[in-house]
Amino acid sequence: SRHQWAQDSDVERKTMKRPAGSTANGAKRFCASFGGSKFEILQREIIARSEADEWDPAKKEWTLAHIYREEGSNPGTCLCTHHPILEICTLENDNTGHEAVVGNCCVKKFMADIPSDTIFSAVRRVRHDAGKSLNEPALKFAHERGWISDWEFRFYSDTLRKRNTSERQQVTREKINDKILSRMTRPSEAEEEENQWSLTAEDIEEAREEGQLSEWEEQFYLGNLGRGFVTAKQLPIKKRIEAKVNGECDETDSVTWACDEQSIVSAKFSGLLSERDAAFYVEKRGAQHLSEKQLAWKESIERKMAQPKNEVVENKVVWKFDSQAISEARASGLITERDASFYKEKLGWRSLSLKQCAWKDNIEKLVLSSHVVPSGPVPSNALPVTIPTPSAVIPSLVQEQKDKIASKRRAALEKNWHIQEFHVARQGGKLNSWEISFYEDVFSKACAIQGFQLSEKQLLHRQKIERKILGGA
């Protein structure tokens, strides 16, 4: 009842933090009793929970912590006593530590700088049509609270005002919409307990000092302290950390690492492991929990490490050319960019896998068969190489020859990429601005970088655009 609510509010106010020597003056004079309009009640309740004794400075202490829409049969009650309210704002006061549940209408009356009404307007629009876009205030509100990632924020901002989005962009937008709207609900009591970061900074730091937590786990938990929510991805990590600190962690599922760092580094230099494999294993080594993908990667590396020794050609690799000779062979078109990169990366290694050794031998055969002479000092472990007569040596390319080669290469690329048809399709309005920008960008990269390879996604986009181009040709 209203009488019972008044008694409860009186008890709550007596326990609220008040500044030393505060007096009931100014706005508090007309709030001395429980009478007055709902807005006067709101003023009284806000001031009672604030550090300041006057309405104007008191209302400036409050910020928007959370908003949600109550769609069910359990509507909220505003601090001004209005009931029911569906569009609910949770306000917080950093000075006193208090929170207040206020309806959107009341928030608009005294917190003009908080865009709650604008946010709710966007939420209503997207709830009605999931394909619509949220607005900047709603997007910023979600990003500041960690509901969406930096990448999602940038993507949404970049495509916010686009009338026509690609199918993939639209799917991503709707996924982000769903992610944000799922946060704008009142959590159940169980969820509220689960969403509390219950450990203190002291608990985490002490556990770190005792070796219970890794540095990453410490930084993860400390970085989320104070937040009133936990994402689906964060929840299992949060539970694991809290179980470790509380001594409840079951270590039977912990990850065991079969290889030490030194053996991994040796395997990298012997050619048994790639640079990427070695970097991953060294970085993650010691972690007690991995994702399914990371665990599969780790096991794959350990299988490579456990393979029989005779699968690696040890201490028998002889390198016939130096880096400069390989560069000249590449410039002359004798070997591919991929060949040159491989040879330079592995140059000097004493051991290679059978596959790598075959690749190296093939490159050297290509260079030798075309009579390219190493121009730098030959490595001390090089095998004797028959030097061809001067007439057989391919001279260094002059600038005119290089320009001619580049011109022919570009002409071939333009034909392969259907650039003439592309310009016709562009002028005919068959392509949208994103397709034009994408196609020009990747084509320019293909021209500038020898051996440039498209990713799978880029290749799909190129094929889709070329179907449009050639479909009307």
Protein backbone atom coordinates (compact mmCIF):
# COMPACT_ATOMS: atom_id res chain seq x y z
CA SER A 1 0.00 0.00 0.00
CA ARG A 2 0.98 3.67 -0.34
CA HIS A 3 1.22 3.96 3.50
CA GLN A 4 3.54 0.96 3.69
CA TRP A 5 5.63 2.36 0.80
CA ALA A 6 5.99 5.63 2.75
CA GLN A 7 7.21 3.77 5.84
CA ASP A 8 9.73 1.75 3.79
CA SER A 9 11.01 4.90 2.07
CA ASP A 10 11.42 6.63 5.45
CA VAL A 11 13.54 3.75 6.75
CA GLU A 12 15.62 3.73 3.57
CA ARG A 13 16.25 7.48 3.76
CA LYS A 14 17.50 7.19 7.34
CA THR A 15 20.17 4.74 6.19
CA MET A 16 21.26 6.81 3.19
CA LYS A 17 24.68 8.46 3.11
CA ARG A 18 24.43 12.13 4.03
CA PRO A 19 27.23 14.76 4.07
CA ALA A 20 28.41 16.10 7.40
CA GLY A 21 26.48 19.18 8.55
CA SER A 22 23.80 18.88 5.86
CA THR A 23 20.64 20.88 6.34
CA ALA A 24 17.15 20.49 4.96
CA ASN A 25 16.97 23.68 2.94
CA GLY A 26 16.15 24.82 -0.59
CA ALA A 27 14.35 22.06 -2.44
CA LYS A 28 14.15 20.01 0.75
CA ARG A 29 11.82 22.52 2.39
CA PHE A 30 8.88 21.55 0.20
CA CYS A 31 9.92 17.90 0.40
CA ALA A 32 9.71 17.74 4.18
CA SER A 33 6.50 15.76 4.06
CA PHE A 34 5.29 13.01 1.76
CA GLY A 35 2.78 15.35 0.15
CA GLY A 36 3.17 17.08 -3.19
CA SER A 37 3.14 16.06 -6.83
CA LYS A 38 4.90 13.01 -8.20
CA PHE A 39 7.70 15.21 -9.50
CA GLU A 40 8.14 16.69 -6.01
CA ILE A 41 8.33 13.15 -4.65
CA LEU A 42 10.95 12.33 -7.29
CA GLN A 43 12.96 15.42 -6.29
CA ARG A 44 12.80 14.47 -2.63
CA GLU A 45 13.90 10.89 -3.28
CA ILE A 46 16.74 11.90 -5.60
CA ILE A 47 18.05 14.53 -3.14
CA ALA A 48 17.83 12.01 -0.27
CA ARG A 49 20.10 9.69 -2.23
CA SER A 50 22.50 12.44 -3.29
CA GLU A 51 25.43 14.19 -1.66
CA ALA A 52 24.19 17.70 -2.49
CA ASP A 53 21.30 19.27 -0.55
CA GLU A 54 19.88 21.28 -3.45
CA TRP A 55 17.95 19.94 -6.45
CA ASP A 56 20.09 21.42 -9.25
CA PRO A 57 23.48 20.16 -8.03
CA ALA A 58 21.96 16.90 -6.76
CA LYS A 59 20.50 15.88 -10.11
CA LYS A 60 23.89 16.43 -11.79
CA GLU A 61 25.41 13.67 -9.66
CA TRP A 62 23.38 11.00 -11.46
CA THR A 63 24.24 9.08 -14.61
CA LEU A 64 22.42 6.48 -16.68
CA ALA A 65 23.54 2.97 -15.74
CA HIS A 66 21.05 0.74 -17.54
CA ILE A 67 17.83 0.88 -19.51
CA TYR A 68 15.35 -1.85 -20.35
CA ARG A 69 11.77 -2.33 -21.41
CA GLU A 70 9.50 -4.48 -19.29
CA GLU A 71 7.25 -6.39 -21.67
CA GLY A 72 5.87 -8.96 -19.24
CA SER A 73 3.29 -8.94 -16.47
CA ASN A 74 5.73 -7.48 -13.96
CA PRO A 75 5.96 -3.74 -14.77
CA GLY A 76 8.16 -1.51 -12.66
CA THR A 77 7.43 1.34 -10.26
CA CYS A 78 9.09 4.71 -10.65
CA LEU A 79 10.83 6.46 -7.78
CA CYS A 80 8.06 9.07 -8.03
CA THR A 81 5.58 6.24 -7.15
CA HIS A 82 4.06 6.07 -10.64
CA HIS A 83 2.96 2.57 -11.58
CA PRO A 84 3.18 0.85 -13.99
CA ILE A 85 6.26 1.86 -16.00
CA LEU A 86 7.44 -0.13 -19.01
CA GLU A 87 10.45 1.89 -20.18
CA ILE A 88 12.74 1.76 -17.18
CA CYS A 89 16.02 3.58 -16.48
CA THR A 90 18.43 2.62 -13.72
CA LEU A 91 20.40 5.65 -12.52
CA GLU A 92 23.52 5.56 -10.37
CA ASN A 93 25.28 8.09 -8.15
CA ASP A 94 29.04 7.59 -7.90
CA ASN A 95 29.28 9.98 -4.94
CA THR A 96 26.96 8.02 -2.67
CA GLY A 97 26.85 4.59 -4.32
CA HIS A 98 23.04 4.64 -4.57
CA GLU A 99 20.92 3.49 -7.47
CA ALA A 100 17.44 4.63 -8.46
CA VAL A 101 14.82 3.05 -10.73
CA VAL A 102 13.05 5.79 -12.69
CA GLY A 103 10.62 5.76 -15.58
CA ASN A 104 11.72 7.22 -18.88
CA CYS A 105 9.19 10.07 -18.61
CA CYS A 106 10.68 11.28 -15.31
CA VAL A 107 14.24 10.96 -16.61
CA LYS A 108 13.36 13.29 -19.50
CA LYS A 109 12.08 15.90 -17.04
CA PHE A 110 15.27 16.39 -15.08
CA MET A 111 18.12 14.79 -17.07
CA ALA A 112 17.95 16.42 -20.48
CA ASP A 113 21.54 15.45 -21.31
CA ILE A 114 20.75 11.73 -20.99
CA PRO A 115 19.39 10.41 -24.33
CA SER A 116 17.17 7.73 -22.82
CA ASP A 117 14.14 8.75 -24.89
CA THR A 118 16.21 8.63 -28.10
CA ILE A 119 17.55 5.19 -27.15
CA PHE A 120 14.09 3.82 -26.36
CA SER A 121 12.80 5.21 -29.66
CA ALA A 122 15.46 3.22 -31.55
CA VAL A 123 14.75 0.11 -29.47
CA ARG A 124 11.02 0.30 -30.25
CA ARG A 125 11.79 0.64 -33.96
CA VAL A 126 14.12 -2.36 -34.02
CA ARG A 127 11.79 -4.52 -31.92
CA HIS A 128 9.09 -3.85 -34.50
CA ASP A 129 11.45 -4.54 -37.45
CA ALA A 130 14.71 -6.36 -36.77
CA GLY A 131 16.12 -5.16 -40.09
CA LYS A 132 16.03 -1.51 -39.03
CA SER A 133 19.09 0.19 -37.57
CA LEU A 134 19.59 1.60 -34.09
CA ASN A 135 20.72 5.21 -33.71
CA GLU A 136 24.05 6.64 -32.57
CA PRO A 137 23.06 7.18 -28.89
CA ALA A 138 21.86 3.57 -28.57
CA LEU A 139 24.98 2.26 -30.28
CA LYS A 140 27.28 4.37 -28.12
CA PHE A 141 25.40 3.35 -24.95
CA ALA A 142 25.84 -0.35 -25.80
CA HIS A 143 29.52 0.04 -26.71
CA GLU A 144 30.39 1.95 -23.53
CA ARG A 145 28.97 -0.91 -21.48
CA GLY A 146 30.84 -3.60 -23.37
CA TRP A 147 27.72 -5.16 -24.89
CA ILE A 148 29.34 -5.03 -28.33
CA SER A 149 32.98 -5.23 -29.41
CA ASP A 150 35.06 -2.42 -30.90
CA TRP A 151 34.81 -4.05 -34.32
CA GLU A 152 31.00 -4.32 -34.09
CA PHE A 153 30.80 -0.66 -33.04
CA ARG A 154 32.94 0.47 -35.99
CA PHE A 155 31.04 -1.73 -38.45
CA TYR A 156 27.66 -0.45 -37.27
CA SER A 157 28.82 3.19 -37.29
CA ASP A 158 30.16 2.84 -40.83
CA THR A 159 26.94 1.30 -42.16
CA LEU A 160 24.47 3.19 -39.96
CA ARG A 161 23.22 5.56 -42.64
CA LYS A 162 23.41 3.16 -45.56
CA ARG A 163 20.03 2.70 -47.19
CA ASN A 164 21.18 -0.32 -49.15
CA THR A 165 23.40 -2.83 -47.40
CA SER A 166 24.74 -6.10 -48.75
CA GLU A 167 23.18 -9.35 -47.60
CA ARG A 168 26.19 -10.09 -45.38
CA GLN A 169 26.12 -6.59 -43.87
CA GLN A 170 22.41 -6.90 -43.12
CA VAL A 171 22.90 -10.24 -41.38
CA THR A 172 25.69 -8.73 -39.25
CA ARG A 173 23.56 -5.69 -38.41
CA GLU A 174 20.63 -7.84 -37.28
CA LYS A 175 22.96 -9.99 -35.20
CA ILE A 176 24.27 -6.88 -33.42
CA ASN A 177 20.70 -5.61 -32.97
CA ASP A 178 19.75 -8.87 -31.28
CA LYS A 179 22.84 -8.71 -29.10
CA ILE A 180 21.99 -5.21 -27.85
CA LEU A 181 18.26 -5.84 -27.36
CA SER A 182 18.99 -8.97 -25.35
CA ARG A 183 20.78 -6.73 -22.85
CA MET A 184 17.88 -4.34 -22.50
CA THR A 185 15.80 -6.66 -20.34
CA ARG A 186 15.34 -7.03 -16.64
CA PRO A 187 17.42 -10.03 -15.50
CA SER A 188 15.87 -12.71 -13.33
CA GLU A 189 17.04 -13.07 -9.73
CA ALA A 190 19.24 -16.01 -10.71
CA GLU A 191 20.73 -14.01 -13.53
CA GLU A 192 21.29 -11.04 -11.25
CA GLU A 193 23.32 -13.21 -8.88
CA GLU A 194 25.20 -14.78 -11.78
CA ASN A 195 25.90 -11.36 -13.27
CA GLN A 196 27.61 -10.04 -10.16
CA TRP A 197 31.41 -9.85 -10.20
CA SER A 198 31.50 -10.99 -6.60
CA LEU A 199 35.25 -11.07 -5.93
CA THR A 200 37.12 -7.94 -4.87
CA ALA A 201 40.29 -6.55 -6.39
CA GLU A 202 42.14 -7.67 -3.25
CA ASP A 203 40.87 -11.25 -3.70
CA ILE A 204 42.10 -11.36 -7.29
CA GLU A 205 45.49 -9.80 -6.58
CA GLU A 206 46.09 -12.14 -3.64
CA ALA A 207 45.16 -15.18 -5.77
CA ARG A 208 47.55 -13.97 -8.46
CA GLU A 209 50.40 -13.63 -5.94
CA GLU A 210 49.75 -17.18 -4.72
CA GLY A 211 49.86 -18.52 -8.27
CA GLN A 212 46.20 -19.50 -8.43
CA LEU A 213 45.52 -17.24 -11.42
CA SER A 214 47.42 -16.37 -14.56
CA GLU A 215 48.23 -12.77 -15.41
CA TRP A 216 45.56 -12.82 -18.13
CA GLU A 217 42.90 -14.09 -15.69
CA GLU A 218 43.84 -11.36 -13.23
CA GLN A 219 43.56 -8.62 -15.87
CA PHE A 220 40.32 -10.10 -17.23
CA TYR A 221 38.55 -10.05 -13.87
CA LEU A 222 39.89 -6.69 -12.71
CA GLY A 223 38.89 -5.16 -16.05
CA ASN A 224 35.28 -6.24 -15.54
CA LEU A 225 34.84 -5.35 -11.87
CA GLY A 226 31.94 -2.97 -11.34
CA ARG A 227 29.99 -4.05 -14.41
CA GLY A 228 26.43 -5.14 -13.78
CA PHE A 229 26.39 -7.84 -16.45
CA VAL A 230 28.34 -10.78 -17.82
CA THR A 231 28.38 -11.74 -21.51
CA ALA A 232 27.78 -15.32 -22.60
CA LYS A 233 31.47 -15.71 -23.48
CA GLN A 234 32.64 -14.16 -20.21
CA LEU A 235 30.44 -16.31 -17.97
CA PRO A 236 32.42 -19.60 -18.10
CA ILE A 237 35.70 -17.70 -17.63
CA LYS A 238 34.26 -15.76 -14.69
CA LYS A 239 32.98 -18.97 -13.07
CA ARG A 240 36.34 -20.68 -13.53
CA ILE A 241 38.26 -17.79 -11.97
CA GLU A 242 35.91 -17.59 -9.00
CA ALA A 243 36.14 -21.36 -8.51
CA LYS A 244 39.95 -21.12 -8.51
CA VAL A 245 39.98 -18.31 -5.96
CA ASN A 246 37.44 -20.10 -3.75
CA GLY A 247 39.36 -23.40 -3.95
CA GLU A 248 36.53 -25.15 -5.80
CA CYS A 249 38.21 -25.64 -9.18
CA ASP A 250 38.31 -29.19 -10.54
CA GLU A 251 41.74 -29.54 -12.12
CA THR A 252 40.91 -32.83 -13.86
CA ASP A 253 40.06 -30.90 -17.03
CA SER A 254 43.23 -28.83 -16.96
CA VAL A 255 45.39 -28.75 -20.06
CA THR A 256 48.70 -30.62 -19.96
CA TRP A 257 51.60 -29.39 -22.11
CA ALA A 258 53.87 -32.11 -23.49
CA CYS A 259 56.65 -29.86 -24.87
CA ASP A 260 58.85 -27.25 -23.25
CA GLU A 261 59.67 -23.88 -24.79
CA GLN A 262 63.23 -24.83 -25.79
CA SER A 263 62.13 -27.87 -27.78
CA ILE A 264 59.49 -25.79 -29.58
CA VAL A 265 62.05 -23.15 -30.57
CA SER A 266 64.45 -25.86 -31.78
CA ALA A 267 61.65 -27.44 -33.81
CA LYS A 268 60.93 -24.09 -35.43
CA PHE A 269 64.55 -23.59 -36.51
CA SER A 270 64.76 -27.16 -37.77
CA GLY A 271 61.73 -26.60 -39.98
CA LEU A 272 59.51 -29.05 -38.13
CA LEU A 273 57.16 -26.29 -36.95
CA SER A 274 56.07 -23.11 -38.67
CA GLU A 275 56.67 -19.68 -37.13
CA ARG A 276 52.95 -19.40 -36.41
CA ASP A 277 52.75 -22.81 -34.67
CA ALA A 278 55.77 -22.04 -32.50
CA ALA A 279 54.50 -18.57 -31.54
CA PHE A 280 51.09 -19.99 -30.57
CA TYR A 281 52.53 -22.81 -28.45
CA VAL A 282 55.03 -20.61 -26.61
CA GLU A 283 52.41 -17.94 -25.94
CA LYS A 284 49.75 -20.35 -24.63
CA ARG A 285 52.05 -22.81 -22.89
CA GLY A 286 51.06 -23.18 -19.24
CA ALA A 287 47.45 -22.08 -19.75
CA GLN A 288 45.08 -24.42 -17.95
CA HIS A 289 42.12 -23.86 -20.23
CA LEU A 290 41.86 -23.52 -24.02
CA SER A 291 39.01 -23.17 -26.48
CA GLU A 292 38.16 -26.20 -28.62
CA LYS A 293 39.94 -24.65 -31.60
CA GLN A 294 43.05 -23.83 -29.55
CA LEU A 295 43.11 -27.31 -28.03
CA ALA A 296 43.00 -28.93 -31.47
CA TRP A 297 45.85 -26.66 -32.62
CA LYS A 298 47.95 -27.57 -29.57
CA GLU A 299 47.42 -31.28 -30.12
CA SER A 300 48.34 -30.94 -33.79
CA ILE A 301 51.65 -29.29 -32.83
CA GLU A 302 52.43 -32.00 -30.30
CA ARG A 303 51.74 -34.69 -32.90
CA LYS A 304 54.28 -33.03 -35.19
CA MET A 305 56.79 -32.94 -32.33
CA ALA A 306 56.24 -36.65 -31.66
CA GLN A 307 56.75 -37.79 -35.25
CA PRO A 308 59.70 -40.14 -35.99
CA LYS A 309 63.05 -38.46 -36.43
CA ASN A 310 63.56 -39.93 -39.89
CA GLU A 311 60.76 -37.77 -41.23
CA VAL A 312 63.02 -34.72 -40.92
CA VAL A 313 66.18 -34.33 -42.96
CA GLU A 314 68.73 -33.26 -40.35
CA ASN A 315 72.06 -31.48 -40.76
CA LYS A 316 72.24 -32.18 -44.50
CA VAL A 317 70.77 -29.04 -46.02
CA VAL A 318 73.09 -27.09 -48.32
CA TRP A 319 71.95 -23.71 -49.61
CA LYS A 320 73.29 -22.95 -53.10
CA PHE A 321 72.14 -19.33 -53.35
CA ASP A 322 72.05 -16.27 -51.15
CA SER A 323 69.18 -13.83 -50.68
CA GLN A 324 70.37 -11.43 -53.41
CA ALA A 325 70.56 -14.18 -56.03
CA ILE A 326 67.01 -15.27 -55.18
CA SER A 327 65.81 -11.66 -55.48
CA GLU A 328 67.34 -11.39 -58.94
CA ALA A 329 65.74 -14.67 -59.97
CA ARG A 330 62.40 -13.36 -58.79
CA ALA A 331 62.86 -10.06 -60.66
CA SER A 332 63.65 -12.03 -63.81
CA GLY A 333 60.45 -14.05 -63.42
CA LEU A 334 62.27 -17.34 -62.98
CA ILE A 335 60.58 -18.18 -59.70
CA THR A 336 57.34 -17.07 -58.06
CA GLU A 337 56.98 -14.64 -55.17
CA ARG A 338 55.96 -17.56 -52.97
CA ASP A 339 59.11 -19.48 -53.93
CA ALA A 340 61.31 -16.48 -53.19
CA SER A 341 59.64 -15.84 -49.81
CA PHE A 342 60.04 -19.47 -48.79
CA TYR A 343 63.70 -19.64 -49.79
CA LYS A 344 64.62 -16.40 -48.02
CA GLU A 345 62.72 -17.36 -44.88
CA LYS A 346 64.37 -20.77 -44.56
CA LEU A 347 67.83 -19.72 -45.80
CA GLY A 348 70.50 -21.00 -43.40
CA TRP A 349 68.36 -23.62 -41.69
CA ARG A 350 70.27 -26.86 -41.12
CA SER A 351 67.19 -29.09 -41.18
CA LEU A 352 64.01 -29.15 -43.27
CA SER A 353 61.04 -31.45 -43.54
CA LEU A 354 60.91 -33.71 -46.58
CA LYS A 355 58.31 -31.46 -48.21
CA GLN A 356 60.34 -28.31 -47.54
CA CYS A 357 63.52 -29.95 -48.80
CA ALA A 358 61.81 -30.92 -52.07
CA TRP A 359 60.52 -27.36 -52.46
CA LYS A 360 64.01 -25.91 -51.90
CA ASP A 361 65.59 -28.30 -54.43
CA ASN A 362 63.00 -27.41 -57.05
CA ILE A 363 63.69 -23.68 -56.63
CA GLU A 364 67.43 -24.23 -57.02
CA LYS A 365 66.85 -26.31 -60.17
CA LEU A 366 64.81 -23.48 -61.69
CA VAL A 367 67.51 -20.94 -60.94
CA LEU A 368 70.37 -23.19 -62.17
CA SER A 369 68.57 -24.30 -65.34
CA SER A 370 68.21 -20.66 -66.37
CA HIS A 371 71.88 -19.87 -65.72
CA VAL A 372 71.32 -17.21 -63.08
CA VAL A 373 74.59 -16.65 -61.26
CA PRO A 374 74.65 -15.77 -57.56
CA SER A 375 75.81 -12.17 -57.35
CA GLY A 376 76.75 -12.14 -53.67
CA PRO A 377 79.23 -14.20 -51.67
CA VAL A 378 78.40 -17.88 -51.85
CA PRO A 379 77.71 -19.50 -48.46
CA SER A 380 80.59 -21.51 -47.04
CA ASN A 381 78.52 -24.71 -47.04
CA ALA A 382 77.52 -24.36 -50.71
CA LEU A 383 78.18 -27.16 -53.16
CA PRO A 384 80.39 -26.48 -56.19
CA VAL A 385 78.34 -24.85 -58.95
CA THR A 386 79.43 -24.73 -62.57
CA ILE A 387 79.58 -21.09 -63.63
CA PRO A 388 78.26 -20.58 -67.15
CA THR A 389 80.12 -18.52 -69.71
CA PRO A 390 79.49 -14.75 -69.67
CA SER A 391 77.42 -14.99 -72.84
CA ALA A 392 75.02 -17.28 -71.03
CA VAL A 393 74.55 -15.00 -68.04
CA ILE A 394 71.33 -13.01 -68.01
CA PRO A 395 72.29 -9.37 -67.44
CA SER A 396 70.58 -7.23 -64.83
CA LEU A 397 67.43 -5.70 -66.17
CA VAL A 398 67.64 -2.05 -67.20
CA GLN A 399 64.82 0.30 -66.22
CA GLU A 400 63.34 0.24 -69.73
CA GLN A 401 63.03 -3.52 -69.59
CA LYS A 402 61.47 -3.38 -66.14
CA ASP A 403 58.90 -0.83 -67.32
CA LYS A 404 58.08 -2.99 -70.33
CA ILE A 405 57.60 -6.05 -68.14
CA ALA A 406 55.40 -4.06 -65.74
CA SER A 407 53.30 -2.73 -68.63
CA LYS A 408 52.75 -6.20 -70.06
CA ARG A 409 51.92 -7.53 -66.63
CA ARG A 410 49.29 -4.84 -66.03
CA ALA A 411 47.75 -5.44 -69.45
CA ALA A 412 47.45 -9.14 -68.66
CA LEU A 413 45.88 -8.35 -65.27
CA GLU A 414 43.37 -5.94 -66.84
CA LYS A 415 42.31 -8.64 -69.28
CA ASN A 416 42.07 -11.26 -66.53
CA TRP A 417 40.06 -8.92 -64.30
CA HIS A 418 37.77 -7.76 -67.14
CA ILE A 419 38.55 -4.11 -66.41
CA GLN A 420 37.04 -2.84 -69.66
CA GLU A 421 33.76 -4.62 -68.91
CA PHE A 422 33.98 -3.36 -65.32
CA HIS A 423 34.03 0.28 -66.48
CA VAL A 424 31.05 -0.35 -68.77
CA ALA A 425 29.07 -1.96 -65.92
CA ARG A 426 30.01 0.87 -63.59
CA GLN A 427 28.80 3.52 -66.03
CA GLY A 428 25.62 1.55 -66.60
CA GLY A 429 24.80 1.54 -62.87
CA LYS A 430 25.02 -2.25 -62.53
CA LEU A 431 27.30 -2.04 -59.50
CA ASN A 432 26.76 -0.35 -56.14
CA SER A 433 29.32 1.95 -54.55
CA TRP A 434 30.72 -0.76 -52.25
CA GLU A 435 31.26 -3.20 -55.15
CA ILE A 436 33.04 -0.51 -57.18
CA SER A 437 35.26 0.45 -54.25
CA PHE A 438 36.06 -3.19 -53.41
CA TYR A 439 36.89 -4.18 -57.00
CA GLU A 440 39.14 -1.17 -57.57
CA ASP A 441 40.92 -1.72 -54.27
CA VAL A 442 41.78 -5.40 -54.77
CA PHE A 443 42.72 -4.84 -58.42
CA SER A 444 45.16 -2.08 -57.44
CA LYS A 445 46.70 -4.43 -54.88
CA ALA A 446 47.03 -7.16 -57.49
CA CYS A 447 48.87 -4.70 -59.73
CA ALA A 448 51.15 -3.39 -56.99
CA ILE A 449 52.02 -6.68 -55.28
CA GLN A 450 53.43 -9.56 -57.26
CA GLY A 451 51.96 -12.86 -56.16
CA PHE A 452 49.04 -11.12 -54.40
CA GLN A 453 46.44 -13.68 -53.33
CA LEU A 454 42.80 -12.98 -52.52
CA SER A 455 41.29 -14.41 -49.36
CA GLU A 456 38.37 -16.82 -49.71
CA LYS A 457 35.88 -14.05 -48.89
CA GLN A 458 37.50 -11.63 -51.32
CA LEU A 459 37.46 -14.30 -54.03
CA LEU A 460 33.73 -14.87 -53.51
CA HIS A 461 33.06 -11.14 -53.74
CA ARG A 462 35.14 -10.87 -56.92
CA GLN A 463 33.32 -13.77 -58.56
CA LYS A 464 29.94 -12.27 -57.62
CA ILE A 465 30.88 -8.89 -59.11
CA GLU A 466 32.26 -10.47 -62.27
CA ARG A 467 29.01 -12.37 -62.78
CA LYS A 468 27.26 -9.00 -62.77
CA ILE A 469 29.86 -7.54 -65.14
CA LEU A 470 29.87 -10.39 -67.64
CA GLY A 471 26.18 -11.11 -67.33
CA GLY A 472 25.43 -7.92 -69.24
CA ALA A 473 28.43 -8.11 -71.56
